[in-house]
Each structure stands twice: as C-alpha cells, then as structure tokens.
Amino acid sequence: MSQASFTFDGDTFDCTGISVTVNGREVDSSHLGLASKSLRKFRSLKMNNYEIKVDYIGDTAPSIKVATFSISGGFGAGSATMGSKAACTSVSITGTVGDQVKGSATFKPSYD
C-alpha cells in the first residue's frame, strides 16, 4: 500500500491506519405482482450512515467541526472523499516534546 494522507479543513496529515465502518442496510422492494419463483428485489438505502477512522501523524490535530475532507493514496482507486464536507466527531492525541502529534480521528459525512 502506498502512503496515504488526509486533508481536513486545509490541514494535511499522514495516515498510519484507516478503517471504514458502514452501517448501511437494504430494504425489500419486491411487489405483489412478482411472478412465482421469481427472486425478491432489494434496494440499498442511501449510504449516509458510515464513518472513517484514521490514525495519523502530523504537526497538529484536527478540530471537532464540519469542514472539507479527503483522503488520497493508499487505495486501489487512489482517493476517497465524503462529498464536500465531513464532521470530525472525535479526536484523540498523544505526543512528546520534540515529536510529531500522533492520534486518531473519526469523520462522518455532513450534509450541511
């Protein structure tokens, strides 16, 4: 995997780990006119119930707010986005004097 980085509110961070959690679901969209022995039809709901957690190193930490968000590198497709904005919902950091900030942050799509 190539080096991945993410940008949030104009600040860029190097990723050390990425995980995506999807809480999507499907609904049965079959109708009563379905022929005997036909397959039932399912439709995915709009995938707006997911989050991306990134472990990172950088010179600062993301703020808890809604801002532009993107990830590049580290994926077969090359990049991932959450539309135009995402909400940073949690941040944890560790650091020592003279070292880069290490931490993790969780992002969810924002439709503001």
PDB file of N, CA and C in Angstrom:
ATOM      1  N   MET A   1       0.844  -1.166   0.000  1.00  0.00           N
ATOM      2  CA  MET A   1       0.000   0.000   0.000  1.00  0.00           C
ATOM      3  C   MET A   1       0.889   1.228   0.000  1.00  0.00           C
ATOM      4  N   SER A   2       0.571   2.215  -0.829  1.00  0.00           N
ATOM      5  CA  SER A   2       1.341   3.450  -0.853  1.00  0.00           C
ATOM      6  C   SER A   2       0.944   4.318   0.341  1.00  0.00           C
ATOM      7  N   GLN A   3       1.765   5.317   0.626  1.00  0.00           N
ATOM      8  CA  GLN A   3       1.493   6.215   1.744  1.00  0.00           C
ATOM      9  C   GLN A   3       0.203   6.981   1.497  1.00  0.00           C
ATOM     10  N   ALA A   4      -0.679   6.971   2.471  1.00  0.00           N
ATOM     11  CA  ALA A   4      -1.933   7.705   2.369  1.00  0.00           C
ATOM     12  C   ALA A   4      -1.859   8.956   3.231  1.00  0.00           C
ATOM     13  N   SER A   5      -2.615   9.959   2.837  1.00  0.00           N
ATOM     14  CA  SER A   5      -2.730  11.171   3.646  1.00  0.00           C
ATOM     15  C   SER A   5      -4.169  11.651   3.582  1.00  0.00           C
ATOM     16  N   PHE A   6      -4.568  12.428   4.587  1.00  0.00           N
ATOM     17  CA  PHE A   6      -5.896  13.019   4.523  1.00  0.00           C
ATOM     18  C   PHE A   6      -5.790  14.513   4.789  1.00  0.00           C
ATOM     19  N   THR A   7      -6.737  15.229   4.215  1.00  0.00           N
ATOM     20  CA  THR A   7      -6.800  16.676   4.384  1.00  0.00           C
ATOM     21  C   THR A   7      -8.140  17.011   5.014  1.00  0.00           C
ATOM     22  N   PHE A   8      -8.097  17.802   6.070  1.00  0.00           N
ATOM     23  CA  PHE A   8      -9.314  18.250   6.745  1.00  0.00           C
ATOM     24  C   PHE A   8      -9.166  19.735   7.038  1.00  0.00           C
ATOM     25  N   ASP A   9     -10.078  20.509   6.521  1.00  0.00           N
ATOM     26  CA  ASP A   9     -10.079  21.954   6.729  1.00  0.00           C
ATOM     27  C   ASP A   9      -8.750  22.603   6.318  1.00  0.00           C
ATOM     28  N   GLY A  10      -8.156  22.063   5.229  1.00  0.00           N
ATOM     29  CA  GLY A  10      -6.923  22.629   4.704  1.00  0.00           C
ATOM     30  C   GLY A  10      -5.647  22.111   5.318  1.00  0.00           C
ATOM     31  N   ASP A  11      -5.722  21.360   6.420  1.00  0.00           N
ATOM     32  CA  ASP A  11      -4.533  20.773   7.056  1.00  0.00           C
ATOM     33  C   ASP A  11      -4.356  19.347   6.556  1.00  0.00           C
ATOM     34  N   THR A  12      -3.107  18.962   6.222  1.00  0.00           N
ATOM     35  CA  THR A  12      -2.824  17.623   5.712  1.00  0.00           C
ATOM     36  C   THR A  12      -2.094  16.800   6.777  1.00  0.00           C
ATOM     37  N   PHE A  13      -2.516  15.532   6.902  1.00  0.00           N
ATOM     38  CA  PHE A  13      -1.950  14.613   7.881  1.00  0.00           C
ATOM     39  C   PHE A  13      -1.534  13.330   7.176  1.00  0.00           C
ATOM     40  N   ASP A  14      -0.449  12.693   7.617  1.00  0.00           N
ATOM     41  CA  ASP A  14      -0.045  11.389   7.091  1.00  0.00           C
ATOM     42  C   ASP A  14      -0.796  10.303   7.839  1.00  0.00           C
ATOM     43  N   CYS A  15      -1.427   9.386   7.094  1.00  0.00           N
ATOM     44  CA  CYS A  15      -2.193   8.288   7.696  1.00  0.00           C
ATOM     45  C   CYS A  15      -1.262   7.143   8.075  1.00  0.00           C
ATOM     46  N   THR A  16      -1.487   6.593   9.251  1.00  0.00           N
ATOM     47  CA  THR A  16      -0.796   5.367   9.643  1.00  0.00           C
ATOM     48  C   THR A  16      -1.774   4.200   9.701  1.00  0.00           C
ATOM     49  N   GLY A  17      -3.057   4.480   9.605  1.00  0.00           N
ATOM     50  CA  GLY A  17      -4.084   3.440   9.570  1.00  0.00           C
ATOM     51  C   GLY A  17      -5.416   4.049   9.174  1.00  0.00           C
ATOM     52  N   ILE A  18      -6.227   3.280   8.456  1.00  0.00           N
ATOM     53  CA  ILE A  18      -7.539   3.743   8.014  1.00  0.00           C
ATOM     54  C   ILE A  18      -8.539   2.612   8.195  1.00  0.00           C
ATOM     55  N   SER A  19      -9.693   2.913   8.766  1.00  0.00           N
ATOM     56  CA  SER A  19     -10.765   1.918   8.821  1.00  0.00           C
ATOM     57  C   SER A  19     -12.079   2.605   8.483  1.00  0.00           C
ATOM     58  N   VAL A  20     -12.931   1.867   7.766  1.00  0.00           N
ATOM     59  CA  VAL A  20     -14.233   2.379   7.357  1.00  0.00           C
ATOM     60  C   VAL A  20     -15.304   1.472   7.948  1.00  0.00           C
ATOM     61  N   THR A  21     -16.271   2.066   8.620  1.00  0.00           N
ATOM     62  CA  THR A  21     -17.391   1.324   9.196  1.00  0.00           C
ATOM     63  C   THR A  21     -18.653   1.761   8.474  1.00  0.00           C
ATOM     64  N   VAL A  22     -19.353   0.796   7.911  1.00  0.00           N
ATOM     65  CA  VAL A  22     -20.594   1.085   7.187  1.00  0.00           C
ATOM     66  C   VAL A  22     -21.749   0.460   7.947  1.00  0.00           C
ATOM     67  N   ASN A  23     -22.726   1.281   8.244  1.00  0.00           N
ATOM     68  CA  ASN A  23     -23.932   0.800   8.922  1.00  0.00           C
ATOM     69  C   ASN A  23     -25.107   0.854   7.969  1.00  0.00           C
ATOM     70  N   GLY A  24     -24.856   0.495   6.716  1.00  0.00           N
ATOM     71  CA  GLY A  24     -25.900   0.521   5.701  1.00  0.00           C
ATOM     72  C   GLY A  24     -26.843  -0.660   5.850  1.00  0.00           C
ATOM     73  N   ARG A  25     -27.952  -0.594   5.161  1.00  0.00           N
ATOM     74  CA  ARG A  25     -28.899  -1.698   5.186  1.00  0.00           C
ATOM     75  C   ARG A  25     -29.668  -1.713   3.878  1.00  0.00           C
ATOM     76  N   GLU A  26     -30.316  -2.810   3.641  1.00  0.00           N
ATOM     77  CA  GLU A  26     -31.122  -2.965   2.433  1.00  0.00           C
ATOM     78  C   GLU A  26     -32.578  -3.142   2.824  1.00  0.00           C
ATOM     79  N   VAL A  27     -33.456  -2.695   1.939  1.00  0.00           N
ATOM     80  CA  VAL A  27     -34.888  -2.893   2.164  1.00  0.00           C
ATOM     81  C   VAL A  27     -35.445  -3.744   1.037  1.00  0.00           C
ATOM     82  N   ASP A  28     -36.430  -4.523   1.366  1.00  0.00           N
ATOM     83  CA  ASP A  28     -37.092  -5.380   0.381  1.00  0.00           C
ATOM     84  C   ASP A  28     -38.003  -4.511  -0.473  1.00  0.00           C
ATOM     85  N   SER A  29     -37.718  -4.435  -1.771  1.00  0.00           N
ATOM     86  CA  SER A  29     -38.545  -3.620  -2.670  1.00  0.00           C
ATOM     87  C   SER A  29     -39.377  -4.496  -3.608  1.00  0.00           C
ATOM     88  N   SER A  30     -39.583  -5.749  -3.213  1.00  0.00           N
ATOM     89  CA  SER A  30     -40.421  -6.652  -4.011  1.00  0.00           C
ATOM     90  C   SER A  30     -41.865  -6.142  -3.990  1.00  0.00           C
ATOM     91  N   HIS A  31     -42.641  -6.537  -4.985  1.00  0.00           N
ATOM     92  CA  HIS A  31     -44.037  -6.122  -5.043  1.00  0.00           C
ATOM     93  C   HIS A  31     -44.921  -7.364  -5.196  1.00  0.00           C
ATOM     94  N   LEU A  32     -46.201  -7.181  -4.995  1.00  0.00           N
ATOM     95  CA  LEU A  32     -47.127  -8.312  -5.027  1.00  0.00           C
ATOM     96  C   LEU A  32     -47.279  -8.918  -6.418  1.00  0.00           C
ATOM     97  N   GLY A  33     -46.894  -8.198  -7.469  1.00  0.00           N
ATOM     98  CA  GLY A  33     -47.008  -8.712  -8.829  1.00  0.00           C
ATOM     99  C   GLY A  33     -45.829  -9.580  -9.252  1.00  0.00           C
ATOM    100  N   LEU A  34     -44.936  -9.886  -8.334  1.00  0.00           N
ATOM    101  CA  LEU A  34     -43.772 -10.709  -8.647  1.00  0.00           C
ATOM    102  C   LEU A  34     -44.229 -12.116  -9.027  1.00  0.00           C
ATOM    103  N   ALA A  35     -43.713 -12.629 -10.123  1.00  0.00           N
ATOM    104  CA  ALA A  35     -44.103 -13.961 -10.599  1.00  0.00           C
ATOM    105  C   ALA A  35     -43.634 -15.039  -9.617  1.00  0.00           C
ATOM    106  N   SER A  36     -44.346 -16.156  -9.639  1.00  0.00           N
ATOM    107  CA  SER A  36     -43.993 -17.288  -8.798  1.00  0.00           C
ATOM    108  C   SER A  36     -42.548 -17.718  -9.085  1.00  0.00           C
ATOM    109  N   LYS A  37     -41.803 -18.013  -8.045  1.00  0.00           N
ATOM    110  CA  LYS A  37     -40.406 -18.452  -8.109  1.00  0.00           C
ATOM    111  C   LYS A  37     -39.447 -17.369  -8.603  1.00  0.00           C
ATOM    112  N   SER A  38     -39.908 -16.134  -8.657  1.00  0.00           N
ATOM    113  CA  SER A  38     -39.021 -15.016  -9.008  1.00  0.00           C
ATOM    114  C   SER A  38     -38.184 -14.636  -7.797  1.00  0.00           C
ATOM    115  N   LEU A  39     -37.063 -14.010  -8.060  1.00  0.00           N
ATOM    116  CA  LEU A  39     -36.201 -13.546  -6.971  1.00  0.00           C
ATOM    117  C   LEU A  39     -36.743 -12.251  -6.388  1.00  0.00           C
ATOM    118  N   ARG A  40     -36.663 -12.131  -5.072  1.00  0.00           N
ATOM    119  CA  ARG A  40     -37.059 -10.890  -4.431  1.00  0.00           C
ATOM    120  C   ARG A  40     -36.050  -9.808  -4.782  1.00  0.00           C
ATOM    121  N   LYS A  41     -36.485  -8.565  -4.786  1.00  0.00           N
ATOM    122  CA  LYS A  41     -35.619  -7.444  -5.121  1.00  0.00           C
ATOM    123  C   LYS A  41     -35.314  -6.642  -3.861  1.00  0.00           C
ATOM    124  N   PHE A  42     -34.050  -6.294  -3.714  1.00  0.00           N
ATOM    125  CA  PHE A  42     -33.626  -5.488  -2.581  1.00  0.00           C
ATOM    126  C   PHE A  42     -32.968  -4.217  -3.088  1.00  0.00           C
ATOM    127  N   ARG A  43     -33.146  -3.148  -2.372  1.00  0.00           N
ATOM    128  CA  ARG A  43     -32.569  -1.862  -2.742  1.00  0.00           C
ATOM    129  C   ARG A  43     -31.778  -1.332  -1.542  1.00  0.00           C
ATOM    130  N   SER A  44     -30.580  -0.870  -1.818  1.00  0.00           N
ATOM    131  CA  SER A  44     -29.770  -0.273  -0.753  1.00  0.00           C
ATOM    132  C   SER A  44     -30.302   1.106  -0.423  1.00  0.00           C
ATOM    133  N   LEU A  45     -30.306   1.408   0.858  1.00  0.00           N
ATOM    134  CA  LEU A  45     -30.645   2.758   1.268  1.00  0.00           C
ATOM    135  C   LEU A  45     -29.444   3.649   0.987  1.00  0.00           C
ATOM    136  N   LYS A  46     -29.680   4.929   0.893  1.00  0.00           N
ATOM    137  CA  LYS A  46     -28.588   5.874   0.675  1.00  0.00           C
ATOM    138  C   LYS A  46     -27.527   5.660   1.755  1.00  0.00           C
ATOM    139  N   MET A  47     -26.282   5.493   1.308  1.00  0.00           N
ATOM    140  CA  MET A  47     -25.217   5.179   2.268  1.00  0.00           C
ATOM    141  C   MET A  47     -24.733   6.459   2.942  1.00  0.00           C
ATOM    142  N   ASN A  48     -25.479   6.928   3.922  1.00  0.00           N
ATOM    143  CA  ASN A  48     -25.051   8.100   4.653  1.00  0.00           C
ATOM    144  C   ASN A  48     -24.749   7.774   6.103  1.00  0.00           C
ATOM    145  N   ASN A  49     -24.787   6.508   6.442  1.00  0.00           N
ATOM    146  CA  ASN A  49     -24.541   6.084   7.804  1.00  0.00           C
ATOM    147  C   ASN A  49     -23.216   5.320   7.861  1.00  0.00           C
ATOM    148  N   TYR A  50     -22.122   6.033   7.648  1.00  0.00           N
ATOM    149  CA  TYR A  50     -20.816   5.409   7.712  1.00  0.00           C
ATOM    150  C   TYR A  50     -19.830   6.380   8.333  1.00  0.00           C
ATOM    151  N   GLU A  51     -18.688   5.866   8.718  1.00  0.00           N
ATOM    152  CA  GLU A  51     -17.650   6.715   9.265  1.00  0.00           C
ATOM    153  C   GLU A  51     -16.283   6.200   8.866  1.00  0.00           C
ATOM    154  N   ILE A  52     -15.332   7.102   8.827  1.00  0.00           N
ATOM    155  CA  ILE A  52     -13.945   6.760   8.530  1.00  0.00           C
ATOM    156  C   ILE A  52     -13.114   7.150   9.740  1.00  0.00           C
ATOM    157  N   LYS A  53     -12.354   6.191  10.248  1.00  0.00           N
ATOM    158  CA  LYS A  53     -11.438   6.464  11.355  1.00  0.00           C
ATOM    159  C   LYS A  53     -10.027   6.405  10.794  1.00  0.00           C
ATOM    160  N   VAL A  54      -9.240   7.439  11.070  1.00  0.00           N
ATOM    161  CA  VAL A  54      -7.863   7.469  10.598  1.00  0.00           C
ATOM    162  C   VAL A  54      -6.919   7.638  11.785  1.00  0.00           C
ATOM    163  N   ASP A  55      -5.846   6.877  11.765  1.00  0.00           N
ATOM    164  CA  ASP A  55      -4.738   7.082  12.682  1.00  0.00           C
ATOM    165  C   ASP A  55      -3.742   7.927  11.909  1.00  0.00           C
ATOM    166  N   TYR A  56      -3.119   8.896  12.550  1.00  0.00           N
ATOM    167  CA  TYR A  56      -2.305   9.852  11.802  1.00  0.00           C
ATOM    168  C   TYR A  56      -1.107  10.335  12.608  1.00  0.00           C
ATOM    169  N   ILE A  57      -0.178  10.954  11.886  1.00  0.00           N
ATOM    170  CA  ILE A  57       0.893  11.739  12.487  1.00  0.00           C
ATOM    171  C   ILE A  57       0.882  13.090  11.788  1.00  0.00           C
ATOM    172  N   GLY A  58       1.235  14.114  12.503  1.00  0.00           N
ATOM    173  CA  GLY A  58       1.236  15.449  11.926  1.00  0.00           C
ATOM    174  C   GLY A  58       1.760  16.462  12.914  1.00  0.00           C
ATOM    175  N   ASP A  59       1.665  17.724  12.550  1.00  0.00           N
ATOM    176  CA  ASP A  59       2.151  18.803  13.412  1.00  0.00           C
ATOM    177  C   ASP A  59       1.052  19.391  14.287  1.00  0.00           C
ATOM    178  N   THR A  60      -0.179  18.969  14.062  1.00  0.00           N
ATOM    179  CA  THR A  60      -1.325  19.480  14.803  1.00  0.00           C
ATOM    180  C   THR A  60      -2.378  18.378  14.873  1.00  0.00           C
ATOM    181  N   ALA A  61      -3.560  18.698  15.340  1.00  0.00           N
ATOM    182  CA  ALA A  61      -4.664  17.726  15.391  1.00  0.00           C
ATOM    183  C   ALA A  61      -5.894  18.350  14.751  1.00  0.00           C
ATOM    184  N   PRO A  62      -6.756  17.537  14.123  1.00  0.00           N
ATOM    185  CA  PRO A  62      -7.996  18.076  13.558  1.00  0.00           C
ATOM    186  C   PRO A  62      -8.885  18.644  14.664  1.00  0.00           C
ATOM    187  N   SER A  63      -9.685  19.625  14.325  1.00  0.00           N
ATOM    188  CA  SER A  63     -10.644  20.206  15.269  1.00  0.00           C
ATOM    189  C   SER A  63     -11.992  19.510  15.130  1.00  0.00           C
ATOM    190  N   ILE A  64     -12.758  19.504  16.204  1.00  0.00           N
ATOM    191  CA  ILE A  64     -14.115  18.950  16.174  1.00  0.00           C
ATOM    192  C   ILE A  64     -15.006  19.993  15.499  1.00  0.00           C
ATOM    193  N   LYS A  65     -15.286  19.780  14.208  1.00  0.00           N
ATOM    194  CA  LYS A  65     -16.132  20.690  13.447  1.00  0.00           C
ATOM    195  C   LYS A  65     -16.451  20.075  12.098  1.00  0.00           C
ATOM    196  N   VAL A  66     -17.243  20.773  11.307  1.00  0.00           N
ATOM    197  CA  VAL A  66     -17.568  20.354   9.945  1.00  0.00           C
ATOM    198  C   VAL A  66     -16.676  21.143   8.997  1.00  0.00           C
ATOM    199  N   ALA A  67     -16.008  20.421   8.073  1.00  0.00           N
ATOM    200  CA  ALA A  67     -15.115  21.072   7.109  1.00  0.00           C
ATOM    201  C   ALA A  67     -14.889  20.140   5.930  1.00  0.00           C
ATOM    202  N   THR A  68     -14.146  20.598   4.930  1.00  0.00           N
ATOM    203  CA  THR A  68     -13.833  19.760   3.769  1.00  0.00           C
ATOM    204  C   THR A  68     -12.912  18.625   4.198  1.00  0.00           C
ATOM    205  N   PHE A  69     -13.081  17.454   3.565  1.00  0.00           N
ATOM    206  CA  PHE A  69     -12.329  16.256   3.945  1.00  0.00           C
ATOM    207  C   PHE A  69     -12.043  15.429   2.707  1.00  0.00           C
ATOM    208  N   SER A  70     -10.816  14.918   2.597  1.00  0.00           N
ATOM    209  CA  SER A  70     -10.473  13.977   1.530  1.00  0.00           C
ATOM    210  C   SER A  70      -9.301  13.124   1.960  1.00  0.00           C
ATOM    211  N   ILE A  71      -9.210  11.936   1.367  1.00  0.00           N
ATOM    212  CA  ILE A  71      -8.084  11.021   1.586  1.00  0.00           C
ATOM    213  C   ILE A  71      -7.488  10.721   0.228  1.00  0.00           C
ATOM    214  N   SER A  72      -6.164  10.673   0.142  1.00  0.00           N
ATOM    215  CA  SER A  72      -5.532  10.295  -1.119  1.00  0.00           C
ATOM    216  C   SER A  72      -4.412   9.303  -0.846  1.00  0.00           C
ATOM    217  N   GLY A  73      -4.158   8.437  -1.844  1.00  0.00           N
ATOM    218  CA  GLY A  73      -3.124   7.417  -1.704  1.00  0.00           C
ATOM    219  C   GLY A  73      -3.589   6.275  -0.832  1.00  0.00           C
ATOM    220  N   GLY A  74      -2.889   5.162  -0.922  1.00  0.00           N
ATOM    221  CA  GLY A  74      -3.193   4.031  -0.064  1.00  0.00           C
ATOM    222  C   GLY A  74      -4.383   3.198  -0.483  1.00  0.00           C
ATOM    223  N   PHE A  75      -5.057   3.581  -1.556  1.00  0.00           N
ATOM    224  CA  PHE A  75      -6.223   2.864  -2.046  1.00  0.00           C
ATOM    225  C   PHE A  75      -5.983   2.457  -3.484  1.00  0.00           C
ATOM    226  N   GLY A  76      -6.605   1.380  -3.910  1.00  0.00           N
ATOM    227  CA  GLY A  76      -6.501   0.981  -5.307  1.00  0.00           C
ATOM    228  C   GLY A  76      -7.044   2.046  -6.243  1.00  0.00           C
ATOM    229  N   ALA A  77      -8.101   2.726  -5.815  1.00  0.00           N
ATOM    230  CA  ALA A  77      -8.709   3.765  -6.654  1.00  0.00           C
ATOM    231  C   ALA A  77      -7.947   5.077  -6.562  1.00  0.00           C
ATOM    232  N   GLY A  78      -7.124   5.232  -5.547  1.00  0.00           N
ATOM    233  CA  GLY A  78      -6.321   6.446  -5.428  1.00  0.00           C
ATOM    234  C   GLY A  78      -6.844   7.489  -4.476  1.00  0.00           C
ATOM    235  N   SER A  79      -8.147   7.568  -4.255  1.00  0.00           N
ATOM    236  CA  SER A  79      -8.630   8.588  -3.336  1.00  0.00           C
ATOM    237  C   SER A  79     -10.034   8.250  -2.846  1.00  0.00           C
ATOM    238  N   ALA A  80     -10.434   8.923  -1.793  1.00  0.00           N
ATOM    239  CA  ALA A  80     -11.787   8.770  -1.251  1.00  0.00           C
ATOM    240  C   ALA A  80     -12.224  10.115  -0.719  1.00  0.00           C
ATOM    241  N   THR A  81     -13.480  10.420  -0.843  1.00  0.00           N
ATOM    242  CA  THR A  81     -13.999  11.665  -0.287  1.00  0.00           C
ATOM    243  C   THR A  81     -15.332  11.405   0.385  1.00  0.00           C
ATOM    244  N   MET A  82     -15.759  12.324   1.199  1.00  0.00           N
ATOM    245  CA  MET A  82     -17.080  12.273   1.822  1.00  0.00           C
ATOM    246  C   MET A  82     -17.897  13.419   1.259  1.00  0.00           C
ATOM    247  N   GLY A  83     -18.063  13.448  -0.045  1.00  0.00           N
ATOM    248  CA  GLY A  83     -18.746  14.583  -0.640  1.00  0.00           C
ATOM    249  C   GLY A  83     -17.890  15.817  -0.460  1.00  0.00           C
ATOM    250  N   SER A  84     -18.498  16.932  -0.151  1.00  0.00           N
ATOM    251  CA  SER A  84     -17.712  18.143   0.008  1.00  0.00           C
ATOM    252  C   SER A  84     -17.343  18.419   1.459  1.00  0.00           C
ATOM    253  N   LYS A  85     -18.102  17.860   2.406  1.00  0.00           N
ATOM    254  CA  LYS A  85     -17.825  18.145   3.815  1.00  0.00           C
ATOM    255  C   LYS A  85     -17.979  16.900   4.677  1.00  0.00           C
ATOM    256  N   ALA A  86     -17.266  16.909   5.799  1.00  0.00           N
ATOM    257  CA  ALA A  86     -17.396  15.843   6.791  1.00  0.00           C
ATOM    258  C   ALA A  86     -17.336  16.478   8.169  1.00  0.00           C
ATOM    259  N   ALA A  87     -17.916  15.775   9.134  1.00  0.00           N
ATOM    260  CA  ALA A  87     -17.844  16.222  10.521  1.00  0.00           C
ATOM    261  C   ALA A  87     -16.798  15.399  11.245  1.00  0.00           C
ATOM    262  N   CYS A  88     -15.861  16.069  11.867  1.00  0.00           N
ATOM    263  CA  CYS A  88     -14.906  15.384  12.733  1.00  0.00           C
ATOM    264  C   CYS A  88     -15.620  15.210  14.067  1.00  0.00           C
ATOM    265  N   THR A  89     -15.889  13.954  14.444  1.00  0.00           N
ATOM    266  CA  THR A  89     -16.710  13.698  15.624  1.00  0.00           C
ATOM    267  C   THR A  89     -15.912  13.306  16.861  1.00  0.00           C
ATOM    268  N   SER A  90     -14.664  12.866  16.671  1.00  0.00           N
ATOM    269  CA  SER A  90     -13.820  12.574  17.831  1.00  0.00           C
ATOM    270  C   SER A  90     -12.351  12.643  17.432  1.00  0.00           C
ATOM    271  N   VAL A  91     -11.532  13.041  18.376  1.00  0.00           N
ATOM    272  CA  VAL A  91     -10.089  13.138  18.167  1.00  0.00           C
ATOM    273  C   VAL A  91      -9.398  12.699  19.450  1.00  0.00           C
ATOM    274  N   SER A  92      -8.373  11.870  19.313  1.00  0.00           N
ATOM    275  CA  SER A  92      -7.522  11.550  20.457  1.00  0.00           C
ATOM    276  C   SER A  92      -6.075  11.756  20.011  1.00  0.00           C
ATOM    277  N   ILE A  93      -5.255  12.307  20.887  1.00  0.00           N
ATOM    278  CA  ILE A  93      -3.872  12.601  20.520  1.00  0.00           C
ATOM    279  C   ILE A  93      -2.908  12.172  21.615  1.00  0.00           C
ATOM    280  N   THR A  94      -1.689  11.890  21.193  1.00  0.00           N
ATOM    281  CA  THR A  94      -0.576  11.665  22.104  1.00  0.00           C
ATOM    282  C   THR A  94       0.629  12.379  21.515  1.00  0.00           C
ATOM    283  N   GLY A  95       1.554  12.714  22.332  1.00  0.00           N
ATOM    284  CA  GLY A  95       2.741  13.379  21.823  1.00  0.00           C
ATOM    285  C   GLY A  95       3.750  13.607  22.928  1.00  0.00           C
ATOM    286  N   THR A  96       4.976  13.785  22.530  1.00  0.00           N
ATOM    287  CA  THR A  96       6.043  14.106  23.465  1.00  0.00           C
ATOM    288  C   THR A  96       6.782  15.320  22.924  1.00  0.00           C
ATOM    289  N   VAL A  97       7.540  15.957  23.774  1.00  0.00           N
ATOM    290  CA  VAL A  97       8.281  17.148  23.373  1.00  0.00           C
ATOM    291  C   VAL A  97       9.206  16.817  22.209  1.00  0.00           C
ATOM    292  N   GLY A  98       9.147  17.613  21.165  1.00  0.00           N
ATOM    293  CA  GLY A  98      10.016  17.432  20.006  1.00  0.00           C
ATOM    294  C   GLY A  98       9.560  16.373  19.024  1.00  0.00           C
ATOM    295  N   ASP A  99       8.421  15.724  19.285  1.00  0.00           N
ATOM    296  CA  ASP A  99       7.920  14.675  18.394  1.00  0.00           C
ATOM    297  C   ASP A  99       6.671  15.178  17.683  1.00  0.00           C
ATOM    298  N   GLN A 100       6.303  14.497  16.609  1.00  0.00           N
ATOM    299  CA  GLN A 100       5.067  14.838  15.924  1.00  0.00           C
ATOM    300  C   GLN A 100       3.870  14.375  16.735  1.00  0.00           C
ATOM    301  N   VAL A 101       2.744  15.025  16.498  1.00  0.00           N
ATOM    302  CA  VAL A 101       1.488  14.625  17.130  1.00  0.00           C
ATOM    303  C   VAL A 101       1.049  13.304  16.512  1.00  0.00           C
ATOM    304  N   LYS A 102       0.680  12.342  17.358  1.00  0.00           N
ATOM    305  CA  LYS A 102       0.138  11.063  16.893  1.00  0.00           C
ATOM    306  C   LYS A 102      -1.264  10.956  17.462  1.00  0.00           C
ATOM    307  N   GLY A 103      -2.174  10.446  16.649  1.00  0.00           N
ATOM    308  CA  GLY A 103      -3.528  10.336  17.171  1.00  0.00           C
ATOM    309  C   GLY A 103      -4.457   9.627  16.224  1.00  0.00           C
ATOM    310  N   SER A 104      -5.731   9.701  16.533  1.00  0.00           N
ATOM    311  CA  SER A 104      -6.768   9.150  15.664  1.00  0.00           C
ATOM    312  C   SER A 104      -7.933  10.120  15.655  1.00  0.00           C
ATOM    313  N   ALA A 105      -8.654  10.131  14.543  1.00  0.00           N
ATOM    314  CA  ALA A 105      -9.807  10.990  14.381  1.00  0.00           C
ATOM    315  C   ALA A 105     -10.891  10.242  13.623  1.00  0.00           C
ATOM    316  N   THR A 106     -12.136  10.511  13.943  1.00  0.00           N
ATOM    317  CA  THR A 106     -13.272   9.878  13.295  1.00  0.00           C
ATOM    318  C   THR A 106     -14.082  10.936  12.557  1.00  0.00           C
ATOM    319  N   PHE A 107     -14.448  10.589  11.302  1.00  0.00           N
ATOM    320  CA  PHE A 107     -15.197  11.507  10.437  1.00  0.00           C
ATOM    321  C   PHE A 107     -16.478  10.853   9.944  1.00  0.00           C
ATOM    322  N   LYS A 108     -17.541  11.630   9.889  1.00  0.00           N
ATOM    323  CA  LYS A 108     -18.819  11.180   9.329  1.00  0.00           C
ATOM    324  C   LYS A 108     -19.241  12.176   8.274  1.00  0.00           C
ATOM    325  N   PRO A 109     -19.995  11.735   7.259  1.00  0.00           N
ATOM    326  CA  PRO A 109     -20.433  12.677   6.228  1.00  0.00           C
ATOM    327  C   PRO A 109     -21.340  13.745   6.813  1.00  0.00           C
ATOM    328  N   SER A 110     -21.243  14.942   6.270  1.00  0.00           N
ATOM    329  CA  SER A 110     -22.082  16.052   6.699  1.00  0.00           C
ATOM    330  C   SER A 110     -22.852  16.568   5.500  1.00  0.00           C
ATOM    331  N   TYR A 111     -24.127  16.819   5.682  1.00  0.00           N
ATOM    332  CA  TYR A 111     -24.972  17.282   4.581  1.00  0.00           C
ATOM    333  C   TYR A 111     -25.461  18.691   4.824  1.00  0.00           C
ATOM    334  N   ASP A 112     -24.647  19.487   5.527  1.00  0.00           N
ATOM    335  CA  ASP A 112     -24.991  20.896   5.789  1.00  0.00           C
ATOM    336  C   ASP A 112     -24.902  21.710   4.529  1.00  0.00           C
TER     337      ASP A 112
END
